[in-house]
């Protein structure tokens, strides 16, 4: 059966005007999301992950503008097409946000209104978008609290955010996001503020709800390890551009970009006897300043001379795998992945087999 493409981002370019300079934050992003699929957009802070999905939600800050490209959402049930970049804020709020695409932010306390009960906050979207009667909205809100694993849901409905733990607040945020039956769920660092045990439970919860409702899910994260077990497709961002993308098997077990090597090497691993955690040397480039060549070149010990002259195109690496690195040019010298990373990849593969 042919998969339905639900979200299509093409040649997206976004800039922000500050008092000092124009920042080219997103530079030609292309990405697709299919019904029921899970995509992870990964990269360090400032790489452009959150800006990309905020453009999808139509919530860029006032100094931000989409300079080029398109974001197209296609309703999988009706086939109706929504050209998000061309839509007004009012139309995005009434036709897209909440009821078709919902977002879970990393800090639940910034998403929840401290002056409003949990129940009212879950009911709000249902009543606004679908004009659900109050009693029906109360019943559905309570069902959502049960669905996300919050006990005593009837009593919790009357409580305020400050009366709940961090893990419970994040579950409430998920319930709010699901209130209008969206078809796409965007999770922006959904487990960052939570301890490891709660992190795992939240990811399992999102996975189970996704299967039940056939949701498409986008994870935004800097941590490849968190999403390794739950995603189908990975896009690695650096300096506002996708520099490696492919299936989870292609990117996790056969990474080709030195930046992706660095991200995978920095995942903590208790099974390997390494004294200190790896970190990618240097700092990300300042996109407010002009640059020449590959923006990762100053941090890349495998950089070639051409990296300092010309930014690489996306090379085809087989299957769905695409990599923006001159190392994939047929004329480039052969460079092997670091031995420590090869050990890490082998360990990751064995761990997956153990859990199959």
Protein backbone atom coordinates (compact mmCIF):
# COMPACT_ATOMS: atom_id res chain seq x y z
CA UNK A 1 0.00 0.00 0.00
CA UNK A 2 1.34 3.42 -0.98
CA UNK A 3 2.23 5.66 1.94
CA UNK A 4 0.56 9.07 2.09
CA UNK A 5 2.88 12.05 2.25
CA UNK A 6 1.41 14.31 4.90
CA UNK A 7 4.02 17.08 5.17
CA UNK A 8 6.43 18.36 2.53
CA UNK A 9 9.14 20.99 3.14
CA UNK A 10 10.90 22.24 0.01
CA UNK A 11 13.94 24.55 -0.27
CA UNK A 12 12.99 26.36 2.94
CA UNK A 13 14.97 29.50 3.75
CA UNK A 14 14.32 31.55 6.91
CA UNK A 15 16.11 34.62 8.21
CA UNK A 16 15.89 36.75 11.34
CA UNK A 17 16.54 40.47 11.38
CA UNK A 18 18.34 41.54 14.55
CA UNK A 19 19.53 45.04 15.49
CA UNK A 20 23.05 44.09 14.36
CA UNK A 21 22.64 41.75 11.41
CA UNK A 22 20.49 39.51 9.24
CA UNK A 23 20.81 35.89 10.39
CA UNK A 24 20.22 33.23 7.72
CA UNK A 25 18.94 30.60 10.15
CA UNK A 26 17.51 28.03 7.69
CA UNK A 27 19.25 27.39 4.39
CA UNK A 28 17.43 25.21 1.85
CA UNK A 29 15.81 22.54 4.03
CA UNK A 30 14.00 19.72 2.21
CA UNK A 31 12.14 17.08 4.22
CA UNK A 32 9.08 14.81 3.92
CA UNK A 33 6.87 13.20 6.54
CA UNK A 34 4.54 10.28 5.75
CA UNK A 35 1.45 9.07 7.58
CA UNK A 36 2.35 6.93 10.61
CA UNK A 37 6.08 7.68 10.19
CA UNK A 38 8.46 8.90 12.91
CA UNK A 39 11.15 11.39 11.88
CA UNK A 40 13.90 12.80 14.11
CA UNK A 41 15.59 16.13 13.39
CA UNK A 42 18.84 16.17 15.35
CA UNK A 43 21.72 18.56 15.88
CA UNK A 44 23.32 20.90 18.40
CA UNK A 45 21.54 23.95 19.82
CA UNK A 46 21.27 26.66 17.18
CA UNK A 47 21.39 24.25 14.22
CA UNK A 48 17.88 25.24 13.09
CA UNK A 49 15.81 22.28 14.32
CA UNK A 50 13.22 24.21 16.32
CA UNK A 51 13.04 27.09 13.82
CA UNK A 52 12.09 24.59 11.07
CA UNK A 53 9.16 23.15 13.01
CA UNK A 54 8.06 26.55 14.30
CA UNK A 55 7.69 27.56 10.64
CA UNK A 56 5.51 24.46 10.15
CA UNK A 57 3.34 25.62 13.07
CA UNK A 58 3.32 29.24 11.83
CA UNK A 59 4.81 30.52 15.09
CA UNK A 60 8.03 32.21 13.99
CA UNK A 61 8.97 35.24 16.10
CA UNK A 62 8.04 38.65 14.70
CA UNK A 63 11.57 39.35 13.38
CA UNK A 64 11.62 36.08 11.42
CA UNK A 65 10.61 35.70 7.78
CA UNK A 66 10.34 32.85 5.27
CA UNK A 67 12.43 34.08 2.33
CA UNK A 68 12.03 31.11 0.04
CA UNK A 69 10.53 27.65 -0.24
CA UNK A 70 7.29 25.98 0.72
CA UNK A 71 5.69 23.97 3.52
CA UNK A 72 2.73 21.91 2.34
CA UNK A 73 0.43 19.92 4.62
CA UNK A 74 -1.93 17.38 3.01
CA UNK A 75 -4.80 16.07 5.11
CA UNK A 76 -4.58 12.25 4.79
CA UNK A 77 -8.34 11.84 5.29
CA UNK A 78 -9.73 14.51 2.95
CA UNK A 79 -6.78 15.13 0.60
CA UNK A 80 -7.13 18.88 1.26
CA UNK A 81 -3.83 20.74 0.71
CA UNK A 82 -2.67 23.59 2.94
CA UNK A 83 0.24 25.79 1.70
CA UNK A 84 1.31 26.87 5.20
CA UNK A 85 3.83 29.56 4.16
CA UNK A 86 1.13 31.34 2.17
CA UNK A 87 -1.53 31.14 4.92
CA UNK A 88 -2.39 33.92 7.37
CA UNK A 89 -1.75 33.48 11.11
CA UNK A 90 -5.52 33.39 11.64
CA UNK A 91 -6.01 30.56 9.12
CA UNK A 92 -3.06 28.58 10.53
CA UNK A 93 -4.55 28.85 14.04
CA UNK A 94 -8.04 27.84 12.92
CA UNK A 95 -7.15 25.14 10.37
CA UNK A 96 -3.72 23.74 11.30
CA UNK A 97 -2.53 24.36 14.87
CA UNK A 98 -3.94 21.88 17.35
CA UNK A 99 -6.45 20.12 15.17
CA UNK A 100 -4.11 18.90 12.40
CA UNK A 101 -0.58 19.53 13.72
CA UNK A 102 0.11 19.74 17.47
CA UNK A 103 3.35 20.47 19.29
CA UNK A 104 4.79 19.34 22.62
CA UNK A 105 7.36 21.79 23.94
CA UNK A 106 10.39 20.83 26.03
CA UNK A 107 9.43 22.72 29.19
CA UNK A 108 5.84 21.95 30.24
CA UNK A 109 5.76 24.90 32.63
CA UNK A 110 6.06 27.32 29.69
CA UNK A 111 3.22 25.49 27.88
CA UNK A 112 0.82 25.31 30.84
CA UNK A 113 -1.13 28.25 32.28
CA UNK A 114 -0.42 28.32 36.04
CA UNK A 115 -3.77 30.08 36.70
CA UNK A 116 -5.94 27.50 34.93
CA UNK A 117 -6.90 24.00 36.04
CA UNK A 118 -5.54 21.00 34.14
CA UNK A 119 -9.04 20.04 32.97
CA UNK A 120 -9.81 23.47 31.52
CA UNK A 121 -6.51 23.54 29.62
CA UNK A 122 -7.22 20.16 27.98
CA UNK A 123 -10.82 21.16 27.16
CA UNK A 124 -9.90 24.55 25.68
CA UNK A 125 -8.77 23.28 22.25
CA UNK A 126 -11.75 20.92 21.84
CA UNK A 127 -14.19 23.71 22.57
CA UNK A 128 -12.43 26.24 20.32
CA UNK A 129 -11.78 24.04 17.27
CA UNK A 130 -14.68 21.57 17.40
CA UNK A 131 -17.28 23.40 19.54
CA UNK A 132 -17.57 20.34 21.79
CA UNK A 133 -20.24 20.81 24.55
CA UNK A 134 -18.79 21.32 28.03
CA UNK A 135 -19.89 17.97 29.51
CA UNK A 136 -18.59 16.03 26.49
CA UNK A 137 -15.29 17.97 26.65
CA UNK A 138 -14.94 17.13 30.35
CA UNK A 139 -15.50 13.43 29.64
CA UNK A 140 -12.97 13.41 26.78
CA UNK A 141 -10.40 15.36 28.81
CA UNK A 142 -10.65 12.78 31.59
CA UNK A 143 -10.23 9.98 29.02
CA UNK A 144 -7.08 11.70 27.70
CA UNK A 145 -5.61 11.89 31.21
CA UNK A 146 -6.26 8.14 31.54
CA UNK A 147 -4.68 7.57 28.11
CA UNK A 148 -1.45 9.37 29.08
CA UNK A 149 -1.21 7.37 32.30
CA UNK A 150 -2.30 9.89 34.94
CA UNK A 151 -4.15 8.22 37.83
CA UNK A 152 -7.15 9.73 39.67
CA UNK A 153 -7.97 11.64 36.48
CA UNK A 154 -11.22 13.08 37.89
CA UNK A 155 -9.34 14.71 40.78
CA UNK A 156 -6.41 15.80 38.56
CA UNK A 157 -8.84 17.70 36.31
CA UNK A 158 -9.35 20.22 39.15
CA UNK A 159 -5.65 20.61 40.00
CA UNK A 160 -3.19 23.27 38.82
CA UNK A 161 0.20 22.64 37.09
CA UNK A 162 2.24 23.45 40.21
CA UNK A 163 0.53 20.57 42.03
CA UNK A 164 1.99 17.99 39.62
CA UNK A 165 5.49 16.50 39.18
CA UNK A 166 7.60 17.27 36.09
CA UNK A 167 6.79 13.91 34.50
CA UNK A 168 3.06 14.35 35.12
CA UNK A 169 3.11 17.88 33.69
CA UNK A 170 4.73 16.55 30.52
CA UNK A 171 1.96 13.93 30.30
CA UNK A 172 -0.63 16.72 30.63
CA UNK A 173 1.06 18.62 27.78
CA UNK A 174 0.78 15.44 25.65
CA UNK A 175 -2.92 15.16 26.57
CA UNK A 176 -3.48 18.80 25.49
CA UNK A 177 -1.66 18.14 22.21
CA UNK A 178 -3.90 15.12 21.52
CA UNK A 179 -7.15 16.86 22.52
CA UNK A 180 -8.19 17.78 18.96
CA UNK A 181 -7.06 14.49 17.34
CA UNK A 182 -4.13 15.89 15.32
CA UNK A 183 -2.55 13.84 12.54
CA UNK A 184 0.98 15.15 13.20
CA UNK A 185 2.64 15.44 16.60
CA UNK A 186 5.82 17.52 16.88
CA UNK A 187 7.86 16.79 20.00
CA UNK A 188 10.45 19.50 20.70
CA UNK A 189 12.97 18.00 23.16
CA UNK A 190 10.05 16.34 25.02
CA UNK A 191 12.22 14.60 27.63
CA UNK A 192 15.08 17.09 28.23
CA UNK A 193 13.99 18.20 31.72
CA UNK A 194 13.11 14.68 32.90
CA UNK A 195 15.20 11.99 34.58
CA UNK A 196 16.20 8.92 32.54
CA UNK A 197 13.43 6.63 33.88
CA UNK A 198 10.69 9.16 33.15
CA UNK A 199 12.28 9.91 29.73
CA UNK A 200 11.88 6.29 28.71
CA UNK A 201 8.26 6.17 29.89
CA UNK A 202 7.34 9.34 27.99
CA UNK A 203 8.89 7.99 24.76
CA UNK A 204 7.05 4.67 25.22
CA UNK A 205 3.82 6.57 25.84
CA UNK A 206 4.19 8.64 22.64
CA UNK A 207 4.98 5.44 20.72
CA UNK A 208 1.91 3.60 22.00
CA UNK A 209 -0.40 6.55 21.25
CA UNK A 210 1.14 6.87 17.79
CA UNK A 211 0.35 3.22 16.98
CA UNK A 212 -3.18 3.53 18.35
CA UNK A 213 -4.02 6.70 16.39
CA UNK A 214 -1.69 6.24 13.34
CA UNK A 215 -0.01 9.56 14.09
CA UNK A 216 2.98 10.96 12.23
CA UNK A 217 5.60 12.12 14.75
CA UNK A 218 8.54 14.53 14.46
CA UNK A 219 11.12 14.51 17.27
CA UNK A 220 13.41 17.52 17.68
CA UNK A 221 16.46 16.62 19.76
CA UNK A 222 20.20 17.05 20.18
CA UNK A 223 20.47 13.51 21.56
CA UNK A 224 20.64 10.73 18.96
CA UNK A 225 20.57 8.13 21.73
CA UNK A 226 17.10 9.17 22.95
CA UNK A 227 15.38 8.59 19.61
CA UNK A 228 17.45 5.69 18.24
CA UNK A 229 14.87 3.10 19.22
CA UNK A 230 11.71 4.96 18.16
CA UNK A 231 12.32 6.67 14.79
CA UNK A 232 12.13 5.54 11.14
CA UNK A 233 14.00 8.42 9.49
CA UNK A 234 16.69 10.82 10.70
CA UNK A 235 17.68 14.30 9.46
CA UNK A 236 20.90 15.75 10.93
CA UNK A 237 21.06 19.56 10.88
CA UNK A 238 24.05 21.86 11.06
CA UNK A 239 24.18 25.64 10.50
CA UNK A 240 20.60 25.77 9.22
CA UNK A 241 20.98 22.96 6.69
CA UNK A 242 20.31 19.20 6.64
CA UNK A 243 23.77 17.68 6.20
CA UNK A 244 22.85 13.98 6.49
CA UNK A 245 19.52 12.21 6.20
CA UNK A 246 18.25 8.70 5.69
CA UNK A 247 16.60 5.76 7.41
CA UNK A 248 17.55 5.15 11.03
CA UNK A 249 19.65 2.16 9.94
CA UNK A 250 21.54 4.24 7.36
CA UNK A 251 22.30 7.20 9.60
CA UNK A 252 22.86 5.34 12.90
CA UNK A 253 24.79 2.33 11.67
CA UNK A 254 26.46 3.71 8.55
CA UNK A 255 26.97 7.45 9.27
CA UNK A 256 29.01 9.21 6.58
CA UNK A 257 29.29 12.82 7.75
CA UNK A 258 32.04 13.69 10.27
CA UNK A 259 29.52 15.81 12.21
CA UNK A 260 27.22 12.79 12.60
CA UNK A 261 30.27 10.79 13.72
CA UNK A 262 30.80 13.38 16.44
CA UNK A 263 27.15 13.30 17.57
CA UNK A 264 27.16 9.50 17.80
CA UNK A 265 30.52 9.47 19.59
CA UNK A 266 29.17 11.84 22.24
CA UNK A 267 26.38 9.47 23.34
CA UNK A 268 27.23 8.19 26.85
CA UNK A 269 27.78 4.43 26.88
CA UNK A 270 28.12 2.58 30.16
CA UNK A 271 29.23 -0.59 28.35
CA UNK A 272 32.42 0.96 26.97
CA UNK A 273 35.42 1.65 29.16
CA UNK A 274 36.08 5.27 28.17
CA UNK A 275 37.40 7.71 30.72
CA UNK A 276 35.84 10.88 29.30
CA UNK A 277 32.86 11.74 27.13
CA UNK A 278 33.64 12.85 23.59
CA UNK A 279 32.59 16.33 22.49
CA UNK A 280 32.88 17.91 19.05
CA UNK A 281 35.72 20.48 19.17
CA UNK A 282 35.09 24.19 18.55
CA UNK A 283 31.82 26.09 18.33
CA UNK A 284 29.08 26.30 15.69
CA UNK A 285 29.56 29.02 13.09
CA UNK A 286 27.92 32.43 13.59
CA UNK A 287 25.28 32.64 10.84
CA UNK A 288 25.14 36.43 11.22
CA UNK A 289 28.62 36.62 9.63
CA UNK A 290 29.47 35.77 6.01
CA UNK A 291 31.32 32.48 5.52
CA UNK A 292 32.93 30.59 2.68
CA UNK A 293 32.79 26.87 2.04
CA UNK A 294 31.43 24.26 4.44
CA UNK A 295 30.41 25.87 7.78
CA UNK A 296 31.53 22.69 9.60
CA UNK A 297 35.05 22.80 8.08
CA UNK A 298 36.75 24.72 10.96
CA UNK A 299 35.63 21.96 13.40
CA UNK A 300 36.26 19.05 11.05
CA UNK A 301 39.63 17.30 11.32
CA UNK A 302 38.78 15.41 8.12
CA UNK A 303 38.16 18.63 6.13
CA UNK A 304 39.60 18.79 2.62
CA UNK A 305 40.93 21.94 0.93
CA UNK A 306 37.69 22.30 -1.03
CA UNK A 307 35.70 22.42 2.25
CA UNK A 308 37.14 25.89 2.87
CA UNK A 309 36.21 27.05 -0.64
CA UNK A 310 32.85 25.55 -1.52
CA UNK A 311 29.89 24.16 0.42
CA UNK A 312 29.26 20.50 -0.54
CA UNK A 313 26.08 19.39 -2.31
CA UNK A 314 24.02 16.46 -1.01
CA UNK A 315 25.66 13.28 -2.32
CA UNK A 316 23.64 10.08 -2.83
CA UNK A 317 24.97 7.37 -0.48
CA UNK A 318 22.56 4.58 -1.48
CA UNK A 319 18.92 3.95 -0.51
CA UNK A 320 17.40 7.02 1.17
CA UNK A 321 20.82 8.11 2.42
CA UNK A 322 21.98 11.63 1.45
CA UNK A 323 25.13 13.30 2.81
CA UNK A 324 26.49 16.85 2.35
CA UNK A 325 30.20 16.07 2.62
CA UNK A 326 33.00 16.32 0.06
CA UNK A 327 34.27 12.99 1.47
CA UNK A 328 31.58 11.32 -0.66
CA UNK A 329 32.88 12.88 -3.86
CA UNK A 330 34.45 10.07 -6.00
CA UNK A 331 37.67 12.13 -6.19
CA UNK A 332 38.04 12.40 -2.38
CA UNK A 333 40.57 10.29 -0.44
CA UNK A 334 39.14 7.38 1.51
CA UNK A 335 38.65 8.29 5.17
CA UNK A 336 37.71 5.64 7.75
CA UNK A 337 35.44 6.33 10.70
CA UNK A 338 37.25 6.60 14.07
CA UNK A 339 37.92 3.17 15.63
CA UNK A 340 36.16 4.23 18.86
CA UNK A 341 33.01 5.05 16.85
CA UNK A 342 33.16 1.70 15.04
CA UNK A 343 33.20 -0.01 18.46
CA UNK A 344 30.24 2.13 19.52
CA UNK A 345 28.24 1.27 16.37
CA UNK A 346 28.94 -2.44 16.86
CA UNK A 347 27.74 -2.19 20.47
CA UNK A 348 24.57 -0.38 19.37
CA UNK A 349 23.79 -3.05 16.76
CA UNK A 350 24.28 -5.84 19.31
CA UNK A 351 22.02 -4.06 21.79
CA UNK A 352 19.24 -3.80 19.20
CA UNK A 353 19.57 -7.54 18.45
CA UNK A 354 19.33 -8.34 22.17
CA UNK A 355 16.02 -6.46 22.40
CA UNK A 356 14.47 -7.94 19.26
